[in-house]
PDB file of all heavy atoms in Angstrom:
ATOM      1  N   GLN A   1      16.549   3.957  19.518  1.00  0.00           N
ATOM      2  CA  GLN A   1      17.276   3.160  20.471  1.00  0.00           C
ATOM      3  C   GLN A   1      16.269   1.926  20.895  1.00  0.00           C
ATOM      4  O   GLN A   1      15.110   2.011  20.853  1.00  0.00           O
ATOM      5  CB  GLN A   1      17.619   3.990  21.798  1.00  0.00           C
ATOM      6  CG  GLN A   1      18.605   5.029  21.524  1.00  0.00           C
ATOM      7  CD  GLN A   1      18.955   5.791  22.803  1.00  0.00           C
ATOM      8  OE1 GLN A   1      18.102   6.023  23.658  1.00  0.00           O
ATOM      9  NE2 GLN A   1      20.259   6.214  22.823  1.00  0.00           N
ATOM     10  N   ALA A   2      16.944   0.921  21.300  1.00  0.00           N
ATOM     11  CA  ALA A   2      16.242  -0.322  21.906  1.00  0.00           C
ATOM     12  C   ALA A   2      15.204   0.161  22.880  1.00  0.00           C
ATOM     13  O   ALA A   2      15.561   0.927  23.755  1.00  0.00           O
ATOM     14  CB  ALA A   2      17.198  -1.336  22.415  1.00  0.00           C
ATOM     15  N   GLY A   3      13.977  -0.357  22.889  1.00  0.00           N
ATOM     16  CA  GLY A   3      12.942   0.024  23.690  1.00  0.00           C
ATOM     17  C   GLY A   3      12.135   1.119  23.224  1.00  0.00           C
ATOM     18  O   GLY A   3      11.061   1.348  23.727  1.00  0.00           O
ATOM     19  N   GLY A   4      12.513   1.757  22.100  1.00  0.00           N
ATOM     20  CA  GLY A   4      11.809   2.886  21.617  1.00  0.00           C
ATOM     21  C   GLY A   4      10.602   2.455  20.666  1.00  0.00           C
ATOM     22  O   GLY A   4      10.351   1.218  20.557  1.00  0.00           O
ATOM     23  N   ALA A   5      10.034   3.433  19.937  1.00  0.00           N
ATOM     24  CA  ALA A   5       8.915   3.169  19.135  1.00  0.00           C
ATOM     25  C   ALA A   5       8.994   3.902  17.799  1.00  0.00           C
ATOM     26  O   ALA A   5       9.615   4.965  17.741  1.00  0.00           O
ATOM     27  CB  ALA A   5       7.624   3.570  19.889  1.00  0.00           C
ATOM     28  N   LEU A   6       8.409   3.350  16.817  1.00  0.00           N
ATOM     29  CA  LEU A   6       8.299   3.991  15.500  1.00  0.00           C
ATOM     30  C   LEU A   6       6.892   3.679  14.892  1.00  0.00           C
ATOM     31  O   LEU A   6       6.296   2.653  15.241  1.00  0.00           O
ATOM     32  CB  LEU A   6       9.370   3.536  14.569  1.00  0.00           C
ATOM     33  CG  LEU A   6      10.726   4.068  14.717  1.00  0.00           C
ATOM     34  CD1 LEU A   6      11.653   3.369  13.656  1.00  0.00           C
ATOM     35  CD2 LEU A   6      10.797   5.587  14.475  1.00  0.00           C
ATOM     36  N   LYS A   7       6.446   4.580  14.102  1.00  0.00           N
ATOM     37  CA  LYS A   7       5.206   4.279  13.339  1.00  0.00           C
ATOM     38  C   LYS A   7       5.470   4.418  11.885  1.00  0.00           C
ATOM     39  O   LYS A   7       5.862   5.534  11.400  1.00  0.00           O
ATOM     40  CB  LYS A   7       4.047   5.208  13.724  1.00  0.00           C
ATOM     41  CG  LYS A   7       2.741   4.896  13.088  1.00  0.00           C
ATOM     42  CD  LYS A   7       1.567   5.747  13.563  1.00  0.00           C
ATOM     43  CE  LYS A   7       0.234   5.311  13.025  1.00  0.00           C
ATOM     44  NZ  LYS A   7      -0.850   6.080  13.562  1.00  0.00           N
ATOM     45  N   LEU A   8       5.398   3.362  11.154  1.00  0.00           N
ATOM     46  CA  LEU A   8       5.475   3.329   9.668  1.00  0.00           C
ATOM     47  C   LEU A   8       4.118   3.599   9.001  1.00  0.00           C
ATOM     48  O   LEU A   8       3.083   3.100   9.435  1.00  0.00           O
ATOM     49  CB  LEU A   8       6.037   2.068   9.153  1.00  0.00           C
ATOM     50  CG  LEU A   8       7.426   1.578   9.908  1.00  0.00           C
ATOM     51  CD1 LEU A   8       7.777   0.195   9.253  1.00  0.00           C
ATOM     52  CD2 LEU A   8       8.417   2.669   9.772  1.00  0.00           C
ATOM     53  N   SER A   9       4.242   4.341   7.840  1.00  0.00           N
ATOM     54  CA  SER A   9       3.078   4.569   7.070  1.00  0.00           C
ATOM     55  C   SER A   9       3.322   4.162   5.646  1.00  0.00           C
ATOM     56  O   SER A   9       4.430   4.297   5.177  1.00  0.00           O
ATOM     57  CB  SER A   9       2.661   6.140   7.130  1.00  0.00           C
ATOM     58  OG  SER A   9       2.410   6.586   8.445  1.00  0.00           O
ATOM     59  N   CYS A  10       2.202   3.919   4.934  1.00  0.00           N
ATOM     60  CA  CYS A  10       2.251   3.465   3.529  1.00  0.00           C
ATOM     61  C   CYS A  10       1.021   3.967   2.879  1.00  0.00           C
ATOM     62  O   CYS A  10      -0.040   3.629   3.272  1.00  0.00           O
ATOM     63  CB  CYS A  10       2.442   1.979   3.345  1.00  0.00           C
ATOM     64  SG  CYS A  10       2.379   1.469   1.665  1.00  0.00           S
ATOM     65  N   ALA A  11       1.215   4.703   1.852  1.00  0.00           N
ATOM     66  CA  ALA A  11       0.060   5.213   1.020  1.00  0.00           C
ATOM     67  C   ALA A  11       0.075   4.617  -0.353  1.00  0.00           C
ATOM     68  O   ALA A  11       1.093   4.628  -1.024  1.00  0.00           O
ATOM     69  CB  ALA A  11       0.142   6.805   0.957  1.00  0.00           C
ATOM     70  N   ALA A  12      -1.083   4.163  -0.754  1.00  0.00           N
ATOM     71  CA  ALA A  12      -1.195   3.514  -2.089  1.00  0.00           C
ATOM     72  C   ALA A  12      -1.855   4.487  -2.964  1.00  0.00           C
ATOM     73  O   ALA A  12      -2.733   5.386  -2.690  1.00  0.00           O
ATOM     74  CB  ALA A  12      -2.043   2.226  -1.930  1.00  0.00           C
ATOM     75  N   SER A  13      -1.515   4.379  -4.325  1.00  0.00           N
ATOM     76  CA  SER A  13      -2.124   5.167  -5.302  1.00  0.00           C
ATOM     77  C   SER A  13      -2.173   4.336  -6.578  1.00  0.00           C
ATOM     78  O   SER A  13      -1.665   3.257  -6.671  1.00  0.00           O
ATOM     79  CB  SER A  13      -1.335   6.417  -5.639  1.00  0.00           C
ATOM     80  OG  SER A  13      -0.010   6.114  -6.093  1.00  0.00           O
ATOM     81  N   GLY A  14      -2.978   4.846  -7.578  1.00  0.00           N
ATOM     82  CA  GLY A  14      -3.146   4.075  -8.747  1.00  0.00           C
ATOM     83  C   GLY A  14      -4.567   3.372  -8.734  1.00  0.00           C
ATOM     84  O   GLY A  14      -5.593   3.985  -8.331  1.00  0.00           O
ATOM     85  N   SER A  15      -4.604   2.082  -8.998  1.00  0.00           N
ATOM     86  CA  SER A  15      -5.750   1.269  -8.983  1.00  0.00           C
ATOM     87  C   SER A  15      -6.071   0.814  -7.566  1.00  0.00           C
ATOM     88  O   SER A  15      -6.208  -0.471  -7.418  1.00  0.00           O
ATOM     89  CB  SER A  15      -5.677   0.252  -9.995  1.00  0.00           C
ATOM     90  OG  SER A  15      -5.445   0.631 -11.321  1.00  0.00           O
ATOM     91  N   THR A  16      -6.349   1.712  -6.802  1.00  0.00           N
ATOM     92  CA  THR A  16      -6.465   1.304  -5.294  1.00  0.00           C
ATOM     93  C   THR A  16      -7.803   0.584  -4.959  1.00  0.00           C
ATOM     94  O   THR A  16      -7.868  -0.152  -4.079  1.00  0.00           O
ATOM     95  CB  THR A  16      -6.450   2.547  -4.413  1.00  0.00           C
ATOM     96  OG1 THR A  16      -7.445   3.458  -4.840  1.00  0.00           O
ATOM     97  CG2 THR A  16      -5.009   3.195  -4.414  1.00  0.00           C
ATOM     98  N   ILE A  17      -8.681   0.710  -5.878  1.00  0.00           N
ATOM     99  CA  ILE A  17     -10.003  -0.071  -5.726  1.00  0.00           C
ATOM    100  C   ILE A  17      -9.736  -1.500  -5.736  1.00  0.00           C
ATOM    101  O   ILE A  17     -10.621  -2.321  -5.257  1.00  0.00           O
ATOM    102  CB  ILE A  17     -11.052   0.388  -6.706  1.00  0.00           C
ATOM    103  CG1 ILE A  17     -12.498  -0.087  -6.316  1.00  0.00           C
ATOM    104  CG2 ILE A  17     -10.739  -0.086  -8.162  1.00  0.00           C
ATOM    105  CD1 ILE A  17     -13.535   0.456  -7.180  1.00  0.00           C
ATOM    106  N   SER A  18      -8.727  -1.989  -6.414  1.00  0.00           N
ATOM    107  CA  SER A  18      -8.400  -3.365  -6.563  1.00  0.00           C
ATOM    108  C   SER A  18      -7.761  -3.957  -5.395  1.00  0.00           C
ATOM    109  O   SER A  18      -7.614  -5.177  -5.396  1.00  0.00           O
ATOM    110  CB  SER A  18      -7.505  -3.597  -7.799  1.00  0.00           C
ATOM    111  OG  SER A  18      -6.163  -3.031  -7.577  1.00  0.00           O
ATOM    112  N   ILE A  19      -7.315  -3.244  -4.299  1.00  0.00           N
ATOM    113  CA  ILE A  19      -6.516  -3.687  -3.247  1.00  0.00           C
ATOM    114  C   ILE A  19      -7.390  -4.397  -2.210  1.00  0.00           C
ATOM    115  O   ILE A  19      -8.374  -3.997  -1.858  1.00  0.00           O
ATOM    116  CB  ILE A  19      -5.802  -2.565  -2.522  1.00  0.00           C
ATOM    117  CG1 ILE A  19      -4.780  -2.008  -3.539  1.00  0.00           C
ATOM    118  CG2 ILE A  19      -5.072  -3.108  -1.224  1.00  0.00           C
ATOM    119  CD1 ILE A  19      -4.076  -0.734  -2.997  1.00  0.00           C
ATOM    120  N   ASN A  20      -7.017  -5.650  -1.828  1.00  0.00           N
ATOM    121  CA  ASN A  20      -7.592  -6.278  -0.663  1.00  0.00           C
ATOM    122  C   ASN A  20      -6.654  -6.319   0.488  1.00  0.00           C
ATOM    123  O   ASN A  20      -6.981  -5.716   1.489  1.00  0.00           O
ATOM    124  CB  ASN A  20      -7.953  -7.770  -1.063  1.00  0.00           C
ATOM    125  CG  ASN A  20      -8.515  -8.587   0.099  1.00  0.00           C
ATOM    126  OD1 ASN A  20      -9.140  -7.916   1.033  1.00  0.00           O
ATOM    127  ND2 ASN A  20      -8.442  -9.783   0.071  1.00  0.00           N
ATOM    128  N   ILE A  21      -5.539  -7.028   0.404  1.00  0.00           N
ATOM    129  CA  ILE A  21      -4.632  -7.082   1.479  1.00  0.00           C
ATOM    130  C   ILE A  21      -3.593  -5.996   1.445  1.00  0.00           C
ATOM    131  O   ILE A  21      -3.106  -5.550   0.336  1.00  0.00           O
ATOM    132  CB  ILE A  21      -3.845  -8.432   1.441  1.00  0.00           C
ATOM    133  CG1 ILE A  21      -4.806  -9.603   1.494  1.00  0.00           C
ATOM    134  CG2 ILE A  21      -2.748  -8.546   2.537  1.00  0.00           C
ATOM    135  CD1 ILE A  21      -5.570  -9.766   2.839  1.00  0.00           C
ATOM    136  N   MET A  22      -3.202  -5.379   2.625  1.00  0.00           N
ATOM    137  CA  MET A  22      -2.211  -4.445   2.773  1.00  0.00           C
ATOM    138  C   MET A  22      -1.295  -4.863   3.948  1.00  0.00           C
ATOM    139  O   MET A  22      -1.917  -5.463   4.972  1.00  0.00           O
ATOM    140  CB  MET A  22      -2.607  -3.017   2.863  1.00  0.00           C
ATOM    141  CG  MET A  22      -3.336  -2.446   1.627  1.00  0.00           C
ATOM    142  SD  MET A  22      -3.533  -0.651   1.753  1.00  0.00           S
ATOM    143  CE  MET A  22      -1.868  -0.108   1.454  1.00  0.00           C
ATOM    144  N   GLY A  23      -0.058  -4.597   3.980  1.00  0.00           N
ATOM    145  CA  GLY A  23       0.690  -4.909   5.117  1.00  0.00           C
ATOM    146  C   GLY A  23       2.175  -4.657   4.939  1.00  0.00           C
ATOM    147  O   GLY A  23       2.688  -3.846   4.074  1.00  0.00           O
ATOM    148  N   TRP A  24       3.035  -5.335   5.737  1.00  0.00           N
ATOM    149  CA  TRP A  24       4.404  -5.117   5.836  1.00  0.00           C
ATOM    150  C   TRP A  24       5.257  -6.377   5.810  1.00  0.00           C
ATOM    151  O   TRP A  24       4.928  -7.317   6.573  1.00  0.00           O
ATOM    152  CB  TRP A  24       4.739  -4.300   7.095  1.00  0.00           C
ATOM    153  CG  TRP A  24       4.054  -2.950   7.116  1.00  0.00           C
ATOM    154  CD1 TRP A  24       2.795  -2.689   7.608  1.00  0.00           C
ATOM    155  CD2 TRP A  24       4.538  -1.734   6.628  1.00  0.00           C
ATOM    156  NE1 TRP A  24       2.598  -1.423   7.400  1.00  0.00           N
ATOM    157  CE2 TRP A  24       3.647  -0.716   6.866  1.00  0.00           C
ATOM    158  CE3 TRP A  24       5.868  -1.292   6.056  1.00  0.00           C
ATOM    159  CZ2 TRP A  24       3.801   0.582   6.534  1.00  0.00           C
ATOM    160  CZ3 TRP A  24       6.018  -0.122   5.629  1.00  0.00           C
ATOM    161  CH2 TRP A  24       5.014   0.943   5.951  1.00  0.00           C
ATOM    162  N   TYR A  25       6.312  -6.389   5.121  1.00  0.00           N
ATOM    163  CA  TYR A  25       7.423  -7.412   5.185  1.00  0.00           C
ATOM    164  C   TYR A  25       8.692  -6.686   5.606  1.00  0.00           C
ATOM    165  O   TYR A  25       8.702  -5.401   5.522  1.00  0.00           O
ATOM    166  CB  TYR A  25       7.521  -8.129   3.844  1.00  0.00           C
ATOM    167  CG  TYR A  25       6.565  -9.249   3.694  1.00  0.00           C
ATOM    168  CD1 TYR A  25       5.244  -8.952   3.500  1.00  0.00           C
ATOM    169  CD2 TYR A  25       7.086 -10.553   3.437  1.00  0.00           C
ATOM    170  CE1 TYR A  25       4.352 -10.031   3.194  1.00  0.00           C
ATOM    171  CE2 TYR A  25       6.181 -11.624   3.209  1.00  0.00           C
ATOM    172  CZ  TYR A  25       4.832 -11.324   3.119  1.00  0.00           C
ATOM    173  OH  TYR A  25       3.970 -12.358   2.862  1.00  0.00           O
ATOM    174  N   ARG A  26       9.672  -7.476   5.995  1.00  0.00           N
ATOM    175  CA  ARG A  26      11.003  -6.809   6.257  1.00  0.00           C
ATOM    176  C   ARG A  26      12.065  -7.725   5.846  1.00  0.00           C
ATOM    177  O   ARG A  26      11.943  -8.930   5.710  1.00  0.00           O
ATOM    178  CB  ARG A  26      11.129  -6.473   7.817  1.00  0.00           C
ATOM    179  CG  ARG A  26      11.202  -7.771   8.718  1.00  0.00           C
ATOM    180  CD  ARG A  26      11.270  -7.264  10.116  1.00  0.00           C
ATOM    181  NE  ARG A  26      11.272  -8.372  11.093  1.00  0.00           N
ATOM    182  CZ  ARG A  26      11.228  -8.317  12.377  1.00  0.00           C
ATOM    183  NH1 ARG A  26      10.946  -7.053  12.903  1.00  0.00           N
ATOM    184  NH2 ARG A  26      11.308  -9.357  13.136  1.00  0.00           N
TER     185      ARG A  26
END
């Protein structure tokens, strides 16, 4: 509902050592 809250999670796998930026688009 409006005014509420959520927490999104994202887990990476594979060649994770290569990752610099992480984030979210919609």
